[in-house]
Amino acid sequence: MMPNRDMVTVDGPSVPAVVRLDDEPIHDLAHPSLRRYFPSPEPGSQRRSEVYEVIGQRICAGLLLPGTVLNMDELATRFGVSRPVVREACGALSSLGLVVSRRRVGTVVQPPENWELFSVDIIRWRLNSPGRAAQVLELAELRSSIEPAAAELAALRATEPERAAIGACLEVLLTAGRSGDIPGFHEADKQFHTLVMTSGHNRMFGQMHRVVEGLLESRYRQGLMPSEVAQWALRWHEQLGLAVVAGDTVAAIASARSIVAASAQEMLELAKLPAPDLPG
């Protein structure tokens, strides 16, 4: 059943449009003893090369510093693979700006300003590093800049089938969240944000959904999601969905801002706990 398309108003604590490093905590998250949710190990974890994963993670964690020269023979011996396998992994890392191959020098680790920071893998590695709080804040600042604008466009431009899809997805999200189904909520949350980002028919905003989806997936996989869905999350997702379906641009903008800011604060609280063990 689709939500009512009447105009909606946004309630709840006020939050800043942009989250900054020097901000005070946004508001009481209603989780005084916030606990992490850890999903089962990802079935597809074997799909990526171990060499690629370990080196990429160690670079993003600051364990391989800029200027470090990677020795192909040493890496092949360490991982028990051939040199071509190591070269292939380093080629993939080079495409992300993490390393560069230089004649007569070798494969050299690059500084963060050269990295493809919108890469889903780099987002994931940075969120799994000791400095992940900085990544949470950078992503929050990015999201607070684009998601309210994308929500406004979705409220203005979404087609009737797109509004119906958002409404249906919202129902699944709310049902999963209220029943404590964290995996179900996570999958519906990714789909919901993708639908909102793409329904404004701005292709550049539409492509940014990959960044948001990468963040949400990393949050889920790396213990940056609470063990139960907070009431503010359900309320503001509901208000955002209803606003887009109703074409209420003001409420859509306000709800999107609230979600981004509160989600960032929640992740920052969980990021104070130790990061999962680094590979390698």
Protein backbone atom coordinates (compact mmCIF):
# COMPACT_ATOMS: atom_id res chain seq x y z
CA MET A 1 0.00 0.00 0.00
CA MET A 2 1.38 3.42 -1.02
CA PRO A 3 1.77 6.15 1.60
CA ASN A 4 -0.74 9.01 1.57
CA ARG A 5 0.31 11.79 -0.81
CA ASP A 6 -0.92 14.59 1.45
CA MET A 7 1.60 17.29 2.29
CA VAL A 8 3.79 16.46 5.25
CA THR A 9 5.72 18.44 7.82
CA VAL A 10 9.04 17.53 9.34
CA ASP A 11 9.36 17.24 13.08
CA GLY A 12 12.16 16.12 15.37
CA PRO A 13 15.40 17.80 16.47
CA SER A 14 16.82 20.48 14.24
CA VAL A 15 20.11 19.58 12.57
CA PRO A 16 22.67 21.56 10.58
CA ALA A 17 22.56 21.44 6.79
CA VAL A 18 26.25 20.56 6.74
CA VAL A 19 28.12 18.49 9.32
CA ARG A 20 31.49 20.00 10.23
CA LEU A 21 34.52 18.72 12.12
CA ASP A 22 34.09 21.28 14.88
CA ASP A 23 30.33 20.84 15.40
CA GLU A 24 28.91 19.82 18.73
CA PRO A 25 27.05 16.47 18.72
CA ILE A 26 23.95 16.89 16.59
CA HIS A 27 21.41 15.59 19.10
CA ASP A 28 20.59 12.79 21.47
CA LEU A 29 20.38 9.71 19.27
CA ALA A 30 17.99 7.96 21.65
CA HIS A 31 20.56 5.17 21.94
CA PRO A 32 22.40 5.87 25.23
CA SER A 33 24.23 2.53 24.93
CA LEU A 34 24.63 2.30 21.18
CA ARG A 35 25.51 -1.25 20.13
CA ARG A 36 26.91 -2.32 16.78
CA TYR A 37 25.29 -4.76 14.40
CA PHE A 38 27.71 -7.16 12.67
CA PRO A 39 26.32 -9.14 9.70
CA SER A 40 27.44 -12.61 8.74
CA PRO A 41 30.63 -12.74 6.63
CA GLU A 42 29.99 -11.64 3.06
CA PRO A 43 29.52 -14.71 0.83
CA GLY A 44 31.25 -12.99 -2.08
CA SER A 45 34.41 -12.11 -0.18
CA GLN A 46 36.47 -14.35 -2.45
CA ARG A 47 35.58 -12.37 -5.53
CA ARG A 48 38.45 -9.93 -5.12
CA SER A 49 42.12 -10.65 -5.25
CA GLU A 50 43.70 -10.98 -1.82
CA VAL A 51 46.69 -8.97 -3.04
CA TYR A 52 44.43 -6.13 -4.19
CA GLU A 53 42.43 -6.14 -0.96
CA VAL A 54 45.35 -6.30 1.45
CA ILE A 55 47.50 -3.67 -0.27
CA GLY A 56 44.57 -1.32 -0.85
CA GLN A 57 43.46 -1.59 2.76
CA ARG A 58 46.97 -1.05 4.12
CA ILE A 59 47.50 2.04 1.95
CA CYS A 60 44.20 3.57 3.03
CA ALA A 61 44.96 2.76 6.67
CA GLY A 62 48.30 4.57 6.46
CA LEU A 63 50.34 1.41 6.97
CA LEU A 64 52.00 1.84 3.57
CA LEU A 65 53.06 5.48 3.41
CA PRO A 66 53.29 7.66 0.29
CA GLY A 67 56.60 7.10 -1.46
CA THR A 68 56.86 3.46 -0.40
CA VAL A 69 58.11 1.29 -3.29
CA LEU A 70 56.33 -2.05 -3.58
CA ASN A 71 58.63 -4.93 -4.45
CA MET A 72 56.94 -7.33 -6.86
CA ASP A 73 59.10 -10.31 -5.89
CA GLU A 74 58.54 -9.81 -2.18
CA LEU A 75 54.78 -9.48 -2.66
CA ALA A 76 54.64 -12.59 -4.86
CA THR A 77 56.49 -14.57 -2.17
CA ARG A 78 54.39 -13.19 0.66
CA PHE A 79 51.07 -14.01 -0.98
CA GLY A 80 52.26 -17.21 -2.64
CA VAL A 81 51.26 -16.01 -6.12
CA SER A 82 53.03 -15.29 -9.38
CA ARG A 83 54.44 -11.90 -10.41
CA PRO A 84 51.74 -11.45 -13.10
CA VAL A 85 49.06 -11.79 -10.38
CA VAL A 86 50.81 -9.09 -8.33
CA ARG A 87 51.15 -6.85 -11.39
CA GLU A 88 47.46 -7.28 -12.16
CA ALA A 89 46.51 -6.31 -8.60
CA CYS A 90 48.83 -3.29 -8.70
CA GLY A 91 47.32 -2.29 -12.04
CA ALA A 92 43.88 -2.25 -10.44
CA LEU A 93 45.22 -0.19 -7.53
CA SER A 94 46.87 2.17 -10.01
CA SER A 95 43.49 2.80 -11.64
CA LEU A 96 42.32 4.07 -8.22
CA GLY A 97 45.34 6.36 -7.86
CA LEU A 98 46.72 4.44 -4.88
CA VAL A 99 49.97 3.52 -6.63
CA VAL A 100 51.84 4.55 -9.77
CA SER A 101 54.40 2.67 -11.80
CA ARG A 102 57.63 4.57 -12.50
CA ARG A 103 60.43 3.47 -14.79
CA ARG A 104 63.61 2.44 -12.99
CA VAL A 105 61.85 2.91 -9.66
CA GLY A 106 58.93 0.49 -9.48
CA THR A 107 55.40 0.72 -8.09
CA VAL A 108 55.15 3.67 -5.70
CA VAL A 109 52.42 4.38 -3.13
CA GLN A 110 50.67 7.70 -3.77
CA PRO A 111 49.38 10.38 -1.34
CA PRO A 112 45.62 10.67 -0.63
CA GLU A 113 45.20 13.69 -2.91
CA ASN A 114 45.86 11.37 -5.87
CA TRP A 115 43.28 8.74 -4.85
CA GLU A 116 39.89 8.23 -6.53
CA LEU A 117 38.03 9.06 -3.34
CA PHE A 118 34.61 8.28 -4.83
CA SER A 119 35.65 4.67 -5.46
CA VAL A 120 33.46 2.27 -3.50
CA ASP A 121 36.54 0.24 -2.58
CA ILE A 122 38.43 3.27 -1.24
CA ILE A 123 35.39 4.35 0.76
CA ARG A 124 35.21 0.85 2.21
CA TRP A 125 38.92 0.71 3.04
CA ARG A 126 38.94 4.15 4.64
CA LEU A 127 35.93 3.26 6.79
CA ASN A 128 37.83 0.17 7.94
CA SER A 129 40.91 2.18 8.95
CA PRO A 130 41.94 3.85 12.22
CA GLY A 131 41.13 7.24 10.67
CA ARG A 132 37.61 6.29 9.69
CA ALA A 133 35.99 9.14 11.67
CA ALA A 134 37.46 11.61 9.15
CA GLN A 135 35.97 9.56 6.30
CA VAL A 136 32.56 9.56 8.01
CA LEU A 137 32.68 13.36 8.28
CA GLU A 138 33.82 13.87 4.69
CA LEU A 139 31.02 11.62 3.43
CA ALA A 140 28.51 13.41 5.66
CA GLU A 141 29.57 16.78 4.26
CA LEU A 142 29.26 15.42 0.72
CA ARG A 143 25.87 13.85 1.38
CA SER A 144 24.55 17.01 3.06
CA SER A 145 25.46 18.93 -0.10
CA ILE A 146 23.86 16.60 -2.64
CA GLU A 147 21.09 14.54 -1.05
CA PRO A 148 18.77 17.41 -0.05
CA ALA A 149 19.08 18.83 -3.57
CA ALA A 150 18.46 15.39 -5.08
CA ALA A 151 15.41 14.94 -2.83
CA GLU A 152 14.05 18.31 -3.95
CA LEU A 153 14.42 17.33 -7.61
CA ALA A 154 12.79 13.96 -6.96
CA ALA A 155 9.80 15.68 -5.36
CA LEU A 156 9.55 17.96 -8.40
CA ARG A 157 10.28 15.56 -11.27
CA ALA A 158 9.61 11.96 -10.27
CA THR A 159 7.18 10.17 -12.56
CA GLU A 160 4.12 8.42 -11.18
CA PRO A 161 5.79 4.97 -11.50
CA GLU A 162 8.86 6.33 -9.68
CA ARG A 163 6.72 7.76 -6.89
CA ALA A 164 4.95 4.42 -6.62
CA ALA A 165 8.30 2.61 -6.42
CA ILE A 166 9.51 4.98 -3.67
CA GLY A 167 6.28 4.43 -1.75
CA ALA A 168 6.52 0.67 -2.05
CA CYS A 169 10.17 0.65 -1.02
CA LEU A 170 9.35 2.86 1.95
CA GLU A 171 6.78 0.33 3.16
CA VAL A 172 9.37 -2.45 3.04
CA LEU A 173 11.93 -0.26 4.84
CA LEU A 174 9.52 0.69 7.63
CA THR A 175 8.30 -2.88 8.10
CA ALA A 176 11.85 -4.21 8.34
CA GLY A 177 12.95 -1.44 10.72
CA ARG A 178 9.97 -1.84 13.06
CA SER A 179 10.37 -5.62 13.19
CA GLY A 180 14.11 -5.48 13.94
CA ASP A 181 15.09 -7.00 10.60
CA ILE A 182 18.46 -5.25 10.20
CA PRO A 183 19.51 -7.01 6.94
CA GLY A 184 16.09 -6.29 5.43
CA PHE A 185 16.22 -2.65 6.52
CA HIS A 186 19.73 -2.29 5.10
CA GLU A 187 18.74 -3.60 1.65
CA ALA A 188 15.59 -1.46 1.55
CA ASP A 189 17.57 1.59 2.74
CA LYS A 190 20.05 1.25 -0.13
CA GLN A 191 17.21 0.90 -2.66
CA PHE A 192 15.29 3.82 -1.13
CA HIS A 193 18.21 6.24 -1.35
CA THR A 194 19.01 5.09 -4.88
CA LEU A 195 15.42 5.73 -5.97
CA VAL A 196 15.43 9.21 -4.43
CA MET A 197 18.81 10.07 -5.98
CA THR A 198 17.79 8.91 -9.47
CA SER A 199 14.15 10.07 -9.60
CA GLY A 200 15.12 13.72 -10.02
CA HIS A 201 16.35 12.95 -13.55
CA ASN A 202 19.67 14.70 -13.05
CA ARG A 203 22.15 12.16 -14.36
CA MET A 204 25.06 13.57 -12.37
CA PHE A 205 23.13 13.29 -9.10
CA GLY A 206 21.95 9.89 -10.28
CA GLN A 207 25.50 8.61 -10.57
CA MET A 208 26.30 9.82 -7.07
CA HIS A 209 23.99 7.12 -5.73
CA ARG A 210 26.95 4.73 -6.06
CA VAL A 211 28.85 6.74 -3.44
CA VAL A 212 25.86 6.70 -1.08
CA GLU A 213 25.26 3.00 -1.68
CA GLY A 214 28.96 2.29 -1.06
CA LEU A 215 28.77 4.18 2.22
CA LEU A 216 25.64 2.33 3.34
CA GLU A 217 27.13 -1.06 2.43
CA SER A 218 30.38 -0.29 4.27
CA ARG A 219 28.44 0.96 7.29
CA TYR A 220 26.56 -2.34 7.37
CA ARG A 221 29.62 -4.57 6.85
CA GLN A 222 31.99 -2.82 9.23
CA GLY A 223 30.02 -2.44 12.42
CA LEU A 224 28.95 1.17 11.90
CA MET A 225 25.25 0.33 12.06
CA PRO A 226 23.37 -0.04 15.37
CA SER A 227 21.81 -3.30 16.47
CA GLU A 228 18.35 -1.77 16.18
CA VAL A 229 16.91 0.94 13.95
CA ALA A 230 16.34 4.20 15.83
CA GLN A 231 12.90 5.78 15.81
CA TRP A 232 14.29 9.01 14.33
CA ALA A 233 15.59 7.01 11.34
CA LEU A 234 12.18 5.47 10.67
CA ARG A 235 10.37 8.78 11.15
CA TRP A 236 12.64 10.83 8.89
CA HIS A 237 12.78 8.16 6.17
CA GLU A 238 9.00 8.05 6.26
CA GLN A 239 8.77 11.83 6.05
CA LEU A 240 11.23 11.92 3.14
CA GLY A 241 9.36 9.22 1.23
CA LEU A 242 5.99 10.87 1.84
CA ALA A 243 7.37 14.25 0.80
CA VAL A 244 8.74 12.95 -2.50
CA VAL A 245 5.52 11.06 -3.25
CA ALA A 246 3.47 14.18 -2.42
CA GLY A 247 5.73 16.56 -4.35
CA ASP A 248 6.50 18.54 -1.18
CA THR A 249 9.95 19.99 -1.90
CA VAL A 250 10.35 21.82 1.42
CA ALA A 251 9.71 18.70 3.50
CA ALA A 252 11.87 16.58 1.17
CA ILE A 253 14.87 18.89 1.66
CA ALA A 254 14.42 19.08 5.45
CA SER A 255 13.97 15.32 5.86
CA ALA A 256 17.03 14.51 3.73
CA ARG A 257 19.15 16.92 5.78
CA SER A 258 17.93 15.36 9.01
CA ILE A 259 18.72 11.82 7.85
CA VAL A 260 22.23 12.69 6.70
CA ALA A 261 23.20 14.65 9.81
CA ALA A 262 21.79 12.20 12.34
CA SER A 263 23.20 9.20 10.50
CA ALA A 264 26.64 10.80 10.53
CA GLN A 265 26.45 11.43 14.28
CA GLU A 266 25.39 7.82 14.88
CA MET A 267 28.28 6.52 12.76
CA LEU A 268 30.72 8.78 14.62
CA GLU A 269 29.58 7.33 17.94
CA LEU A 270 30.09 3.79 16.63
CA ALA A 271 33.41 4.75 15.01
CA LYS A 272 34.82 5.38 18.50
CA LEU A 273 34.80 1.60 18.96
CA PRO A 274 37.77 -0.35 17.53
CA ALA A 275 37.78 -0.91 13.78
CA PRO A 276 37.68 -4.53 12.56
CA ASP A 277 41.07 -6.20 12.19
CA LEU A 278 42.95 -5.10 9.09
CA PRO A 279 43.86 -7.78 6.53
CA GLY A 280 47.46 -8.80 6.03
